[in-house]
Protein backbone atom coordinates (compact mmCIF):
# COMPACT_ATOMS: atom_id res chain seq x y z
CA UNK A 1 0.00 0.00 0.00
CA UNK A 2 1.41 3.40 -0.92
CA UNK A 3 1.90 6.22 1.60
CA UNK A 4 -1.05 8.35 0.40
CA UNK A 5 -3.50 5.44 0.59
CA UNK A 6 -2.32 4.65 4.13
CA UNK A 7 -2.73 8.30 5.17
CA UNK A 8 -6.28 8.45 3.76
CA UNK A 9 -7.26 5.19 5.43
CA UNK A 10 -5.97 6.44 8.80
CA UNK A 11 -7.76 9.75 8.40
CA UNK A 12 -11.00 7.98 7.52
CA UNK A 13 -10.71 5.68 10.54
CA UNK A 14 -10.08 8.70 12.78
CA UNK A 15 -13.14 10.59 11.50
CA UNK A 16 -15.41 7.55 11.68
CA UNK A 17 -14.38 7.12 15.32
CA UNK A 18 -15.06 10.78 16.10
CA UNK A 19 -18.54 10.65 14.57
CA UNK A 20 -19.37 7.41 16.36
CA UNK A 21 -18.56 9.05 19.71
CA UNK A 22 -20.08 12.49 19.00
CA UNK A 23 -23.55 12.71 17.48
CA UNK A 24 -24.57 15.61 15.26
CA UNK A 25 -26.55 18.31 17.14
CA UNK A 26 -26.23 16.44 20.45
CA UNK A 27 -26.24 18.94 23.31
CA UNK A 28 -22.81 19.23 24.91
CA UNK A 29 -21.06 17.94 21.79
CA UNK A 30 -18.77 20.08 19.67
CA UNK A 31 -21.18 19.16 16.84
CA UNK A 32 -24.12 20.72 18.73
CA UNK A 33 -24.47 23.76 16.48
CA UNK A 34 -22.79 25.38 13.48
CA UNK A 35 -19.85 27.73 13.81
CA UNK A 36 -20.83 31.16 15.09
CA UNK A 37 -19.68 32.64 11.77
CA UNK A 38 -22.28 30.54 9.96
CA UNK A 39 -24.99 31.43 12.49
CA UNK A 40 -24.16 35.13 12.19
CA UNK A 41 -24.21 35.10 8.37
CA UNK A 42 -27.50 33.23 7.85
CA UNK A 43 -29.81 36.22 8.55
CA UNK A 44 -28.03 38.24 5.83
CA UNK A 45 -29.23 35.80 3.18
CA UNK A 46 -32.79 35.25 4.39
CA UNK A 47 -34.51 37.57 1.89
CA UNK A 48 -32.12 36.98 -1.01
CA UNK A 49 -32.97 35.05 -4.16
CA UNK A 50 -30.74 32.53 -5.85
CA UNK A 51 -28.25 32.06 -3.01
CA UNK A 52 -25.72 29.32 -3.57
CA UNK A 53 -23.58 27.93 -0.78
CA UNK A 54 -20.50 25.77 -1.11
CA UNK A 55 -19.51 23.99 2.09
CA UNK A 56 -15.85 23.12 1.64
CA UNK A 57 -15.71 21.29 4.95
CA UNK A 58 -17.55 18.31 3.49
CA UNK A 59 -17.72 16.53 6.79
CA UNK A 60 -20.81 15.61 8.81
CA UNK A 61 -22.96 18.65 8.01
CA UNK A 62 -22.77 20.71 11.18
CA UNK A 63 -22.64 23.89 9.06
CA UNK A 64 -24.38 22.89 5.84
CA UNK A 65 -27.52 21.33 7.36
CA UNK A 66 -28.54 24.53 9.20
CA UNK A 67 -27.86 26.53 6.03
CA UNK A 68 -30.11 24.22 4.04
CA UNK A 69 -32.70 24.08 6.83
CA UNK A 70 -34.07 27.49 5.93
CA UNK A 71 -34.33 26.90 2.22
CA UNK A 72 -36.70 25.60 -0.36
CA UNK A 73 -35.30 23.76 -3.34
CA UNK A 74 -36.33 24.56 -6.91
CA UNK A 75 -34.46 22.43 -9.41
CA UNK A 76 -30.78 22.70 -8.53
CA UNK A 77 -31.16 26.13 -6.91
CA UNK A 78 -31.88 26.61 -3.24
CA UNK A 79 -33.73 29.74 -2.19
CA UNK A 80 -33.88 31.30 1.29
């Protein structure tokens, strides 16, 4: 197995362990709510049309689920 494959496997095992121990939105967990930056920015987009959000974290959804929670989906576009 090459070095990069080994690194990715170890990283995956680490993250799977973290998410088994800490449930999303569980009170007291670091996954309880989105980052304060995300919470503070959401109201600025509430009345905007055609808002597109790219969540580069691509992890468990602690930030992207609350963003999507206030939207309706029309085709591939999500509107606040």
